[in-house]
Amino acid sequence: MSISMATKDYPYLLTREQASDFLGIDPKSFDKYIRQHEGLDRFMIGRHERYTMKSLVHFIEKHSV
């Protein structure tokens, strides 16, 4: 999947809700199965985590079964 084809009008740094929407999963599932994983790259702005689409795609491709 090409990231450029999958983007709607997302900003470069995604919030938790935007990241879960980008992946097509519920925000609670994102918190439980993806967000807590140490292998997910995140960018901290103060106490708020932000994610890039590239880091999300890389994480999914690396950990897919």
C-alpha atoms as a PDB file:
ATOM      1  CA  MET A   1       0.000   0.000   0.000  1.00  0.00           C
ATOM      2  CA  SER A   2       1.293   3.414  -0.862  1.00  0.00           C
ATOM      3  CA  ILE A   3       0.952   5.950   1.919  1.00  0.00           C
ATOM      4  CA  SER A   4       0.159   8.750  -0.510  1.00  0.00           C
ATOM      5  CA  MET A   5      -2.835   6.788  -1.819  1.00  0.00           C
ATOM      6  CA  ALA A   6      -4.144   6.119   1.693  1.00  0.00           C
ATOM      7  CA  THR A   7      -4.035   9.666   3.015  1.00  0.00           C
ATOM      8  CA  LYS A   8      -7.215  11.659   3.365  1.00  0.00           C
ATOM      9  CA  ASP A   9      -6.548  15.054   4.857  1.00  0.00           C
ATOM     10  CA  TYR A  10      -4.364  13.889   7.722  1.00  0.00           C
ATOM     11  CA  PRO A  11      -1.725  16.153   9.260  1.00  0.00           C
ATOM     12  CA  TYR A  12       1.868  14.898   9.343  1.00  0.00           C
ATOM     13  CA  LEU A  13       1.690  14.107  13.071  1.00  0.00           C
ATOM     14  CA  LEU A  14      -1.371  12.048  13.923  1.00  0.00           C
ATOM     15  CA  THR A  15      -3.200  11.960  17.235  1.00  0.00           C
ATOM     16  CA  ARG A  16      -4.278   8.659  18.770  1.00  0.00           C
ATOM     17  CA  GLU A  17      -7.721   9.004  17.202  1.00  0.00           C
ATOM     18  CA  GLN A  18      -6.343   9.882  13.768  1.00  0.00           C
ATOM     19  CA  ALA A  19      -3.834   7.016  13.926  1.00  0.00           C
ATOM     20  CA  SER A  20      -6.561   4.498  14.773  1.00  0.00           C
ATOM     21  CA  ASP A  21      -8.757   5.904  11.978  1.00  0.00           C
ATOM     22  CA  PHE A  22      -5.829   5.654   9.525  1.00  0.00           C
ATOM     23  CA  LEU A  23      -5.364   1.993  10.487  1.00  0.00           C
ATOM     24  CA  GLY A  24      -9.098   1.333  10.394  1.00  0.00           C
ATOM     25  CA  ILE A  25      -9.390   0.149  13.983  1.00  0.00           C
ATOM     26  CA  ASP A  26     -11.198   1.290  17.110  1.00  0.00           C
ATOM     27  CA  PRO A  27      -9.221   3.741  19.315  1.00  0.00           C
ATOM     28  CA  LYS A  28      -9.559   1.344  22.269  1.00  0.00           C
ATOM     29  CA  SER A  29      -8.026  -1.477  20.198  1.00  0.00           C
ATOM     30  CA  PHE A  30      -5.243   0.896  19.130  1.00  0.00           C
ATOM     31  CA  ASP A  31      -4.520   1.617  22.803  1.00  0.00           C
ATOM     32  CA  LYS A  32      -4.603  -2.040  23.809  1.00  0.00           C
ATOM     33  CA  TYR A  33      -2.669  -3.699  20.985  1.00  0.00           C
ATOM     34  CA  ILE A  34      -0.544  -1.076  19.239  1.00  0.00           C
ATOM     35  CA  ARG A  35       0.022   2.042  21.327  1.00  0.00           C
ATOM     36  CA  GLN A  36       1.515   0.186  24.296  1.00  0.00           C
ATOM     37  CA  HIS A  37       4.075  -1.632  22.113  1.00  0.00           C
ATOM     38  CA  GLU A  38       7.636  -0.358  22.498  1.00  0.00           C
ATOM     39  CA  GLY A  39       8.357  -0.992  18.812  1.00  0.00           C
ATOM     40  CA  LEU A  40       6.026   1.789  17.702  1.00  0.00           C
ATOM     41  CA  ASP A  41       7.842   5.037  16.959  1.00  0.00           C
ATOM     42  CA  ARG A  42       6.171   8.066  18.476  1.00  0.00           C
ATOM     43  CA  PHE A  43       6.878  11.751  18.715  1.00  0.00           C
ATOM     44  CA  MET A  44       6.204  13.469  22.024  1.00  0.00           C
ATOM     45  CA  ILE A  45       4.837  16.996  22.163  1.00  0.00           C
ATOM     46  CA  GLY A  46       4.785  17.723  25.853  1.00  0.00           C
ATOM     47  CA  ARG A  47       2.838  14.802  27.318  1.00  0.00           C
ATOM     48  CA  HIS A  48       1.004  14.065  24.062  1.00  0.00           C
ATOM     49  CA  GLU A  49       2.039  11.268  21.725  1.00  0.00           C
ATOM     50  CA  ARG A  50       1.925  11.795  17.976  1.00  0.00           C
ATOM     51  CA  TYR A  51       2.508   9.255  15.206  1.00  0.00           C
ATOM     52  CA  THR A  52       3.448   9.466  11.545  1.00  0.00           C
ATOM     53  CA  MET A  53       1.709   7.383   8.892  1.00  0.00           C
ATOM     54  CA  LYS A  54       5.102   6.020   7.883  1.00  0.00           C
ATOM     55  CA  SER A  55       5.822   4.750  11.413  1.00  0.00           C
ATOM     56  CA  LEU A  56       2.359   3.155  11.633  1.00  0.00           C
ATOM     57  CA  VAL A  57       2.728   1.383   8.277  1.00  0.00           C
ATOM     58  CA  HIS A  58       6.242   0.227   9.206  1.00  0.00           C
ATOM     59  CA  PHE A  59       4.994  -1.121  12.549  1.00  0.00           C
ATOM     60  CA  ILE A  60       2.110  -3.039  10.952  1.00  0.00           C
ATOM     61  CA  GLU A  61       4.300  -4.502   8.214  1.00  0.00           C
ATOM     62  CA  LYS A  62       6.946  -5.551  10.727  1.00  0.00           C
ATOM     63  CA  HIS A  63       4.505  -7.202  13.141  1.00  0.00           C
ATOM     64  CA  SER A  64       1.996  -8.720  10.736  1.00  0.00           C
ATOM     65  CA  VAL A  65       1.612 -12.473  10.851  1.00  0.00           C
END
